[in-house]
Amino acid sequence: MRWMWIDAVTEFEAGKRMVAVKNVSMAEDHLHQHFPGRPIMPASLMVEGFAQTAGILVGATEGFREKVILAKIAQVTIERDVVPGQCIRYDATIERIDAAGASTRGTIERFDHRDGAWVRIGTVEMLFSHIDQNRAGAMFPEENFVFGENFRAILRASGLDRFLGR
């Protein structure tokens, strides 16, 4: 996967919770077209960053043996903008997990440099599916196309190699 919307995992409780961060920079091409003159991080990409965080958390519970995909965005609120120079924090928890998939929820925060504190800017609830356990009988490639090398690099850099499975 080319587009990574998290830079590092900062907290990890296996099967329970994961926190990841994304530093927003003018070096990112998408910001130059998203409101020229007043670039902001698109809310849709913040939702994707949370999905990547929660998806890794769900995938790690079984050592990434399952192919985990986003099945449904149940609820999202984004109440404030994030601009270049700010940092986003995704805090995801597993509410329920079984053979079919998982339910997650959490918050999106930004670091406010003026106050020197994290400020909650949104909430998210998502459902994930283990597609190898799907009921339709469709066949998927043997390799885990969801948790590719970019995700593995983030986990290695964050010291979470033990959850890579192989």
N, C-alpha and C. Protein backbone atom coordinates (compact mmCIF):
# COMPACT_ATOMS: atom_id res chain seq x y z
N MET A 1 0.84 -1.18 0.00
CA MET A 1 0.00 0.00 0.00
C MET A 1 0.88 1.23 0.00
N ARG A 2 0.60 2.15 -0.90
CA ARG A 2 1.42 3.35 -1.04
C ARG A 2 1.08 4.41 -0.01
N TRP A 3 -0.17 4.61 0.25
CA TRP A 3 -0.60 5.70 1.11
C TRP A 3 -0.69 5.26 2.56
N MET A 4 0.25 5.72 3.34
CA MET A 4 0.27 5.42 4.77
C MET A 4 -0.16 6.68 5.50
N TRP A 5 -1.15 6.56 6.37
CA TRP A 5 -1.65 7.72 7.09
C TRP A 5 -1.32 7.65 8.57
N ILE A 6 -0.37 6.78 8.92
CA ILE A 6 0.23 6.77 10.25
C ILE A 6 1.74 6.71 10.07
N ASP A 7 2.46 7.35 10.98
CA ASP A 7 3.92 7.36 10.92
C ASP A 7 4.55 6.41 11.92
N ALA A 8 3.91 6.24 13.07
CA ALA A 8 4.50 5.40 14.12
C ALA A 8 3.42 4.94 15.09
N VAL A 9 3.66 3.78 15.66
CA VAL A 9 2.82 3.26 16.74
C VAL A 9 3.48 3.70 18.04
N THR A 10 2.73 4.36 18.92
CA THR A 10 3.31 4.87 20.17
C THR A 10 2.88 4.08 21.40
N GLU A 11 1.73 3.39 21.31
CA GLU A 11 1.26 2.55 22.41
C GLU A 11 0.59 1.32 21.80
N PHE A 12 0.76 0.18 22.49
CA PHE A 12 0.16 -1.04 21.97
C PHE A 12 -0.13 -1.99 23.13
N GLU A 13 -1.40 -2.38 23.25
CA GLU A 13 -1.83 -3.41 24.19
C GLU A 13 -2.49 -4.50 23.35
N ALA A 14 -1.81 -5.61 23.18
CA ALA A 14 -2.28 -6.67 22.29
C ALA A 14 -3.74 -7.04 22.56
N GLY A 15 -4.53 -7.06 21.48
CA GLY A 15 -5.93 -7.44 21.57
C GLY A 15 -6.84 -6.42 22.21
N LYS A 16 -6.29 -5.26 22.59
CA LYS A 16 -7.09 -4.26 23.30
C LYS A 16 -7.04 -2.88 22.67
N ARG A 17 -5.82 -2.31 22.57
CA ARG A 17 -5.71 -0.89 22.24
C ARG A 17 -4.41 -0.61 21.47
N MET A 18 -4.50 0.35 20.57
CA MET A 18 -3.32 0.82 19.86
C MET A 18 -3.44 2.32 19.63
N VAL A 19 -2.31 3.01 19.78
CA VAL A 19 -2.24 4.44 19.52
C VAL A 19 -1.16 4.65 18.47
N ALA A 20 -1.50 5.45 17.44
CA ALA A 20 -0.54 5.77 16.39
C ALA A 20 -0.58 7.27 16.13
N VAL A 21 0.51 7.79 15.55
CA VAL A 21 0.59 9.22 15.26
C VAL A 21 0.90 9.44 13.78
N LYS A 22 0.48 10.61 13.31
CA LYS A 22 0.75 11.07 11.95
C LYS A 22 1.15 12.52 12.03
N ASN A 23 2.35 12.84 11.54
CA ASN A 23 2.80 14.23 11.48
C ASN A 23 2.37 14.82 10.14
N VAL A 24 1.68 15.92 10.17
CA VAL A 24 1.17 16.56 8.94
C VAL A 24 2.19 17.59 8.48
N SER A 25 2.57 17.49 7.21
CA SER A 25 3.65 18.32 6.67
C SER A 25 3.28 18.86 5.29
N MET A 26 3.74 20.06 4.99
CA MET A 26 3.53 20.63 3.66
C MET A 26 4.28 19.84 2.59
N ALA A 27 5.12 18.90 2.99
CA ALA A 27 5.81 18.05 2.02
C ALA A 27 4.86 17.04 1.38
N GLU A 28 3.66 16.91 1.92
CA GLU A 28 2.67 15.97 1.39
C GLU A 28 1.90 16.63 0.24
N ASP A 29 1.95 16.00 -0.93
CA ASP A 29 1.37 16.58 -2.14
C ASP A 29 -0.12 16.91 -2.00
N HIS A 30 -0.88 16.06 -1.32
CA HIS A 30 -2.32 16.29 -1.26
C HIS A 30 -2.70 17.62 -0.58
N LEU A 31 -1.82 18.14 0.26
CA LEU A 31 -2.13 19.39 0.97
C LEU A 31 -2.04 20.62 0.07
N HIS A 32 -1.31 20.51 -1.03
CA HIS A 32 -1.16 21.66 -1.91
C HIS A 32 -2.43 21.97 -2.70
N GLN A 33 -3.28 20.98 -2.88
CA GLN A 33 -4.53 21.20 -3.60
C GLN A 33 -5.74 21.29 -2.67
N HIS A 34 -5.58 20.88 -1.44
CA HIS A 34 -6.71 20.89 -0.53
C HIS A 34 -6.79 22.24 0.15
N PHE A 35 -7.57 23.13 -0.42
CA PHE A 35 -7.74 24.52 0.00
C PHE A 35 -6.43 25.30 -0.14
N PRO A 36 -6.01 25.57 -1.37
CA PRO A 36 -4.79 26.37 -1.59
C PRO A 36 -4.86 27.67 -0.80
N GLY A 37 -3.74 28.01 -0.17
CA GLY A 37 -3.67 29.20 0.66
C GLY A 37 -4.03 28.93 2.11
N ARG A 38 -4.78 27.86 2.38
CA ARG A 38 -5.10 27.45 3.74
C ARG A 38 -5.24 25.92 3.76
N PRO A 39 -4.12 25.23 3.58
CA PRO A 39 -4.19 23.77 3.50
C PRO A 39 -4.60 23.15 4.83
N ILE A 40 -5.49 22.15 4.74
CA ILE A 40 -5.86 21.37 5.92
C ILE A 40 -5.82 19.89 5.55
N MET A 41 -5.62 19.07 6.54
CA MET A 41 -5.63 17.62 6.35
C MET A 41 -7.09 17.21 6.07
N PRO A 42 -7.35 16.55 4.93
CA PRO A 42 -8.73 16.13 4.64
C PRO A 42 -9.26 15.17 5.71
N ALA A 43 -10.50 15.40 6.11
CA ALA A 43 -11.12 14.53 7.12
C ALA A 43 -11.15 13.08 6.66
N SER A 44 -11.35 12.85 5.37
CA SER A 44 -11.39 11.47 4.87
C SER A 44 -10.07 10.75 5.09
N LEU A 45 -8.95 11.48 5.02
CA LEU A 45 -7.65 10.86 5.25
C LEU A 45 -7.39 10.62 6.73
N MET A 46 -7.98 11.46 7.58
CA MET A 46 -7.89 11.19 9.02
C MET A 46 -8.69 9.94 9.37
N VAL A 47 -9.84 9.77 8.73
CA VAL A 47 -10.63 8.55 8.95
C VAL A 47 -9.84 7.33 8.46
N GLU A 48 -9.16 7.46 7.33
CA GLU A 48 -8.33 6.36 6.84
C GLU A 48 -7.17 6.08 7.80
N GLY A 49 -6.58 7.11 8.38
CA GLY A 49 -5.52 6.91 9.37
C GLY A 49 -6.02 6.13 10.58
N PHE A 50 -7.22 6.46 11.03
CA PHE A 50 -7.80 5.69 12.13
C PHE A 50 -8.06 4.25 11.68
N ALA A 51 -8.56 4.06 10.45
CA ALA A 51 -8.82 2.72 9.95
C ALA A 51 -7.53 1.90 9.89
N GLN A 52 -6.44 2.51 9.48
CA GLN A 52 -5.16 1.79 9.45
C GLN A 52 -4.72 1.42 10.86
N THR A 53 -4.89 2.34 11.80
CA THR A 53 -4.52 2.06 13.20
C THR A 53 -5.36 0.91 13.75
N ALA A 54 -6.68 1.02 13.64
CA ALA A 54 -7.57 -0.02 14.16
C ALA A 54 -7.39 -1.33 13.41
N GLY A 55 -7.16 -1.27 12.10
CA GLY A 55 -6.95 -2.48 11.31
C GLY A 55 -5.71 -3.25 11.73
N ILE A 56 -4.63 -2.52 12.01
CA ILE A 56 -3.41 -3.17 12.50
C ILE A 56 -3.68 -3.82 13.85
N LEU A 57 -4.38 -3.12 14.73
CA LEU A 57 -4.73 -3.67 16.04
C LEU A 57 -5.51 -4.96 15.89
N VAL A 58 -6.52 -4.97 15.03
CA VAL A 58 -7.33 -6.17 14.80
C VAL A 58 -6.47 -7.28 14.18
N GLY A 59 -5.68 -6.94 13.18
CA GLY A 59 -4.83 -7.95 12.54
C GLY A 59 -3.81 -8.56 13.46
N ALA A 60 -3.27 -7.77 14.38
CA ALA A 60 -2.24 -8.26 15.30
C ALA A 60 -2.78 -9.30 16.28
N THR A 61 -4.09 -9.30 16.54
CA THR A 61 -4.64 -10.25 17.51
C THR A 61 -4.45 -11.70 17.09
N GLU A 62 -4.35 -11.94 15.79
CA GLU A 62 -4.12 -13.30 15.28
C GLU A 62 -2.80 -13.40 14.52
N GLY A 63 -1.85 -12.54 14.84
CA GLY A 63 -0.54 -12.59 14.21
C GLY A 63 -0.59 -12.32 12.71
N PHE A 64 -1.56 -11.54 12.26
CA PHE A 64 -1.73 -11.15 10.86
C PHE A 64 -1.97 -12.34 9.94
N ARG A 65 -2.53 -13.42 10.49
CA ARG A 65 -2.88 -14.57 9.65
C ARG A 65 -4.15 -14.31 8.86
N GLU A 66 -5.03 -13.46 9.38
CA GLU A 66 -6.29 -13.10 8.70
C GLU A 66 -6.08 -11.86 7.84
N LYS A 67 -6.82 -11.79 6.74
CA LYS A 67 -6.85 -10.58 5.93
C LYS A 67 -8.00 -9.73 6.48
N VAL A 68 -7.65 -8.62 7.07
CA VAL A 68 -8.62 -7.75 7.74
C VAL A 68 -8.93 -6.57 6.82
N ILE A 69 -10.22 -6.36 6.52
CA ILE A 69 -10.61 -5.21 5.72
C ILE A 69 -11.69 -4.41 6.44
N LEU A 70 -11.72 -3.13 6.15
CA LEU A 70 -12.76 -2.26 6.70
C LEU A 70 -14.09 -2.67 6.09
N ALA A 71 -15.05 -3.02 6.93
CA ALA A 71 -16.37 -3.44 6.46
C ALA A 71 -17.39 -2.32 6.53
N LYS A 72 -17.30 -1.48 7.57
CA LYS A 72 -18.30 -0.43 7.73
C LYS A 72 -17.77 0.66 8.65
N ILE A 73 -18.03 1.89 8.26
CA ILE A 73 -17.80 3.03 9.14
C ILE A 73 -19.14 3.30 9.80
N ALA A 74 -19.26 2.95 11.07
CA ALA A 74 -20.54 3.07 11.77
C ALA A 74 -20.84 4.51 12.18
N GLN A 75 -19.79 5.25 12.56
CA GLN A 75 -19.99 6.61 13.04
C GLN A 75 -18.67 7.35 13.00
N VAL A 76 -18.70 8.61 12.55
CA VAL A 76 -17.52 9.47 12.56
C VAL A 76 -17.95 10.90 12.85
N THR A 77 -17.20 11.56 13.71
CA THR A 77 -17.32 13.01 13.86
C THR A 77 -15.92 13.59 13.81
N ILE A 78 -15.75 14.63 13.01
CA ILE A 78 -14.50 15.40 12.97
C ILE A 78 -14.92 16.85 13.21
N GLU A 79 -14.48 17.41 14.31
CA GLU A 79 -14.98 18.72 14.74
C GLU A 79 -14.02 19.88 14.50
N ARG A 80 -12.74 19.58 14.24
CA ARG A 80 -11.76 20.65 14.05
C ARG A 80 -10.78 20.27 12.95
N ASP A 81 -10.15 21.28 12.38
CA ASP A 81 -9.17 21.08 11.32
C ASP A 81 -7.80 20.73 11.89
N VAL A 82 -6.99 20.12 11.03
CA VAL A 82 -5.57 19.88 11.32
C VAL A 82 -4.79 20.50 10.17
N VAL A 83 -3.79 21.30 10.51
CA VAL A 83 -3.00 22.01 9.51
C VAL A 83 -1.56 21.51 9.54
N PRO A 84 -0.80 21.79 8.46
CA PRO A 84 0.61 21.39 8.45
C PRO A 84 1.35 21.93 9.68
N GLY A 85 2.20 21.08 10.23
CA GLY A 85 2.95 21.40 11.44
C GLY A 85 2.32 20.81 12.69
N GLN A 86 1.08 20.30 12.55
CA GLN A 86 0.43 19.66 13.68
C GLN A 86 0.58 18.14 13.58
N CYS A 87 0.35 17.48 14.68
CA CYS A 87 0.45 16.03 14.77
C CYS A 87 -0.94 15.47 15.10
N ILE A 88 -1.30 14.36 14.45
CA ILE A 88 -2.56 13.68 14.70
C ILE A 88 -2.27 12.42 15.51
N ARG A 89 -3.14 12.13 16.47
CA ARG A 89 -3.03 10.89 17.25
C ARG A 89 -4.33 10.11 17.11
N TYR A 90 -4.19 8.84 16.73
CA TYR A 90 -5.32 7.92 16.60
C TYR A 90 -5.27 6.94 17.77
N ASP A 91 -6.33 6.87 18.55
CA ASP A 91 -6.41 5.98 19.71
C ASP A 91 -7.56 5.00 19.47
N ALA A 92 -7.23 3.76 19.15
CA ALA A 92 -8.23 2.75 18.77
C ALA A 92 -8.31 1.65 19.82
N THR A 93 -9.53 1.20 20.12
CA THR A 93 -9.75 0.07 21.01
C THR A 93 -10.67 -0.94 20.34
N ILE A 94 -10.48 -2.21 20.70
CA ILE A 94 -11.35 -3.26 20.21
C ILE A 94 -12.52 -3.40 21.18
N GLU A 95 -13.72 -3.31 20.65
CA GLU A 95 -14.93 -3.51 21.45
C GLU A 95 -15.33 -4.98 21.47
N ARG A 96 -15.21 -5.62 20.29
CA ARG A 96 -15.59 -7.03 20.14
C ARG A 96 -14.75 -7.61 19.01
N ILE A 97 -14.37 -8.88 19.16
CA ILE A 97 -13.66 -9.57 18.08
C ILE A 97 -14.05 -11.04 18.10
N ASP A 98 -14.27 -11.60 16.89
CA ASP A 98 -14.58 -13.03 16.76
C ASP A 98 -14.07 -13.50 15.39
N ALA A 99 -14.43 -14.70 14.99
CA ALA A 99 -13.92 -15.26 13.74
C ALA A 99 -14.35 -14.46 12.51
N ALA A 100 -15.50 -13.82 12.57
CA ALA A 100 -16.00 -13.07 11.42
C ALA A 100 -15.37 -11.69 11.28
N GLY A 101 -14.98 -11.08 12.41
CA GLY A 101 -14.41 -9.74 12.33
C GLY A 101 -14.34 -9.07 13.68
N ALA A 102 -14.35 -7.74 13.66
CA ALA A 102 -14.18 -6.98 14.90
C ALA A 102 -14.91 -5.64 14.82
N SER A 103 -15.25 -5.14 16.00
CA SER A 103 -15.83 -3.82 16.16
C SER A 103 -14.82 -2.98 16.94
N THR A 104 -14.55 -1.77 16.44
CA THR A 104 -13.58 -0.89 17.10
C THR A 104 -14.19 0.49 17.30
N ARG A 105 -13.59 1.23 18.22
CA ARG A 105 -13.98 2.63 18.42
C ARG A 105 -12.77 3.38 18.94
N GLY A 106 -12.84 4.69 18.85
CA GLY A 106 -11.74 5.47 19.38
C GLY A 106 -11.85 6.94 19.08
N THR A 107 -10.73 7.63 19.27
CA THR A 107 -10.69 9.07 19.10
C THR A 107 -9.58 9.48 18.14
N ILE A 108 -9.78 10.67 17.58
CA ILE A 108 -8.75 11.33 16.79
C ILE A 108 -8.44 12.62 17.54
N GLU A 109 -7.14 12.86 17.76
CA GLU A 109 -6.71 14.05 18.49
C GLU A 109 -5.64 14.78 17.68
N ARG A 110 -5.46 16.05 17.96
CA ARG A 110 -4.35 16.80 17.37
C ARG A 110 -3.57 17.45 18.50
N PHE A 111 -2.28 17.61 18.27
CA PHE A 111 -1.45 18.28 19.27
C PHE A 111 -1.54 19.77 19.04
N ASP A 112 -1.97 20.50 20.04
CA ASP A 112 -2.09 21.96 19.99
C ASP A 112 -0.82 22.56 20.59
N HIS A 113 0.04 23.09 19.75
CA HIS A 113 1.33 23.62 20.20
C HIS A 113 1.18 24.82 21.12
N ARG A 114 0.12 25.60 20.94
CA ARG A 114 -0.08 26.78 21.81
C ARG A 114 -0.33 26.36 23.25
N ASP A 115 -1.14 25.31 23.42
CA ASP A 115 -1.45 24.83 24.77
C ASP A 115 -0.51 23.71 25.23
N GLY A 116 0.24 23.15 24.29
CA GLY A 116 1.12 22.05 24.64
C GLY A 116 0.37 20.81 25.06
N ALA A 117 -0.81 20.58 24.45
CA ALA A 117 -1.65 19.45 24.87
C ALA A 117 -2.36 18.82 23.67
N TRP A 118 -2.76 17.57 23.86
CA TRP A 118 -3.59 16.88 22.87
C TRP A 118 -5.03 17.32 23.05
N VAL A 119 -5.71 17.59 21.93
CA VAL A 119 -7.10 18.02 21.93
C VAL A 119 -7.91 17.04 21.08
N ARG A 120 -8.97 16.50 21.65
CA ARG A 120 -9.82 15.59 20.88
C ARG A 120 -10.55 16.38 19.80
N ILE A 121 -10.44 15.89 18.56
CA ILE A 121 -11.12 16.56 17.46
C ILE A 121 -12.17 15.65 16.80
N GLY A 122 -12.23 14.39 17.20
CA GLY A 122 -13.21 13.50 16.60
C GLY A 122 -13.31 12.15 17.27
N THR A 123 -14.38 11.45 16.90
CA THR A 123 -14.60 10.08 17.38
C THR A 123 -14.94 9.20 16.19
N VAL A 124 -14.64 7.90 16.32
CA VAL A 124 -14.85 6.96 15.22
C VAL A 124 -15.32 5.63 15.77
N GLU A 125 -16.24 4.99 15.05
CA GLU A 125 -16.63 3.59 15.29
C GLU A 125 -16.57 2.88 13.95
N MET A 126 -15.84 1.75 13.91
CA MET A 126 -15.66 1.00 12.66
C MET A 126 -15.82 -0.49 12.90
N LEU A 127 -16.26 -1.17 11.83
CA LEU A 127 -16.35 -2.63 11.83
C LEU A 127 -15.38 -3.17 10.79
N PHE A 128 -14.68 -4.24 11.15
CA PHE A 128 -13.74 -4.89 10.25
C PHE A 128 -14.18 -6.33 10.01
N SER A 129 -13.86 -6.84 8.83
CA SER A 129 -14.20 -8.22 8.48
C SER A 129 -12.92 -9.01 8.26
N HIS A 130 -12.94 -10.27 8.70
CA HIS A 130 -11.87 -11.21 8.35
C HIS A 130 -12.32 -11.85 7.04
N ILE A 131 -11.75 -11.42 5.91
CA ILE A 131 -12.32 -11.85 4.63
C ILE A 131 -12.06 -13.31 4.32
N ASP A 132 -11.09 -13.93 4.94
CA ASP A 132 -10.90 -15.38 4.72
C ASP A 132 -12.03 -16.17 5.35
N GLN A 133 -12.78 -15.54 6.24
CA GLN A 133 -13.91 -16.19 6.91
C GLN A 133 -15.25 -15.77 6.30
N ASN A 134 -15.20 -15.18 5.09
CA ASN A 134 -16.42 -14.65 4.49
C ASN A 134 -17.40 -15.76 4.16
N ARG A 135 -18.64 -15.40 4.08
CA ARG A 135 -19.70 -16.37 3.82
C ARG A 135 -19.99 -16.55 2.34
N ALA A 136 -19.47 -15.70 1.48
CA ALA A 136 -19.77 -15.76 0.05
C ALA A 136 -18.99 -16.84 -0.67
N GLY A 137 -17.94 -17.34 -0.06
CA GLY A 137 -17.14 -18.39 -0.69
C GLY A 137 -16.14 -17.89 -1.70
N ALA A 138 -15.96 -16.58 -1.81
CA ALA A 138 -14.98 -16.03 -2.75
C ALA A 138 -13.57 -16.40 -2.30
N MET A 139 -12.71 -16.64 -3.26
CA MET A 139 -11.33 -16.98 -2.95
C MET A 139 -10.47 -15.72 -3.06
N PHE A 140 -9.53 -15.57 -2.13
CA PHE A 140 -8.64 -14.43 -2.11
C PHE A 140 -7.20 -14.92 -2.24
N PRO A 141 -6.30 -14.05 -2.71
CA PRO A 141 -4.90 -14.47 -2.86
C PRO A 141 -4.33 -14.99 -1.54
N GLU A 142 -3.39 -15.90 -1.65
CA GLU A 142 -2.77 -16.48 -0.46
C GLU A 142 -1.98 -15.44 0.34
N GLU A 143 -1.26 -14.54 -0.36
CA GLU A 143 -0.48 -13.53 0.36
C GLU A 143 -1.42 -12.54 1.03
N ASN A 144 -0.95 -11.96 2.12
CA ASN A 144 -1.77 -11.01 2.86
C ASN A 144 -1.60 -9.64 2.22
N PHE A 145 -2.48 -9.31 1.29
CA PHE A 145 -2.39 -8.06 0.55
C PHE A 145 -2.76 -6.85 1.39
N VAL A 146 -3.39 -7.05 2.54
CA VAL A 146 -3.77 -5.94 3.41
C VAL A 146 -2.57 -5.48 4.24
N PHE A 147 -1.88 -6.42 4.86
CA PHE A 147 -0.75 -6.08 5.71
C PHE A 147 0.54 -6.33 4.94
N GLY A 148 0.84 -5.41 4.03
CA GLY A 148 2.01 -5.52 3.19
C GLY A 148 3.26 -4.99 3.86
N GLU A 149 4.28 -4.77 3.06
CA GLU A 149 5.59 -4.39 3.57
C GLU A 149 5.59 -3.02 4.26
N ASN A 150 4.79 -2.07 3.79
CA ASN A 150 4.76 -0.76 4.46
C ASN A 150 4.26 -0.87 5.89
N PHE A 151 3.21 -1.66 6.11
CA PHE A 151 2.71 -1.85 7.47
C PHE A 151 3.74 -2.59 8.31
N ARG A 152 4.40 -3.57 7.73
CA ARG A 152 5.43 -4.30 8.47
C ARG A 152 6.58 -3.37 8.87
N ALA A 153 6.93 -2.43 7.99
CA ALA A 153 8.00 -1.48 8.30
C ALA A 153 7.61 -0.59 9.48
N ILE A 154 6.36 -0.16 9.55
CA ILE A 154 5.91 0.65 10.69
C ILE A 154 5.99 -0.17 11.97
N LEU A 155 5.56 -1.42 11.92
CA LEU A 155 5.62 -2.25 13.13
C LEU A 155 7.05 -2.51 13.56
N ARG A 156 7.94 -2.77 12.60
CA ARG A 156 9.35 -2.99 12.95
C ARG A 156 9.94 -1.72 13.57
N ALA A 157 9.67 -0.55 12.97
CA ALA A 157 10.20 0.71 13.49
C ALA A 157 9.64 1.03 14.87
N SER A 158 8.44 0.54 15.15
CA SER A 158 7.81 0.80 16.45
C SER A 158 8.15 -0.27 17.48
N GLY A 159 9.03 -1.22 17.11
CA GLY A 159 9.44 -2.26 18.05
C GLY A 159 8.40 -3.34 18.26
N LEU A 160 7.51 -3.53 17.30
CA LEU A 160 6.44 -4.52 17.43
C LEU A 160 6.65 -5.72 16.51
N ASP A 161 7.89 -6.06 16.21
CA ASP A 161 8.23 -7.18 15.33
C ASP A 161 7.57 -8.49 15.75
N ARG A 162 7.43 -8.70 17.04
CA ARG A 162 6.91 -9.98 17.55
C ARG A 162 5.50 -10.24 17.08
N PHE A 163 4.77 -9.23 16.62
CA PHE A 163 3.40 -9.42 16.17
C PHE A 163 3.30 -9.68 14.67
N LEU A 164 4.43 -9.72 13.98
CA LEU A 164 4.40 -9.92 12.55
C LEU A 164 4.07 -11.35 12.15
N GLY A 165 4.11 -12.27 13.06
CA GLY A 165 3.72 -13.65 12.75
C GLY A 165 4.85 -14.48 12.19
N ARG A 166 5.30 -14.17 11.01
CA ARG A 166 6.34 -14.97 10.35
C ARG A 166 7.69 -14.34 10.51
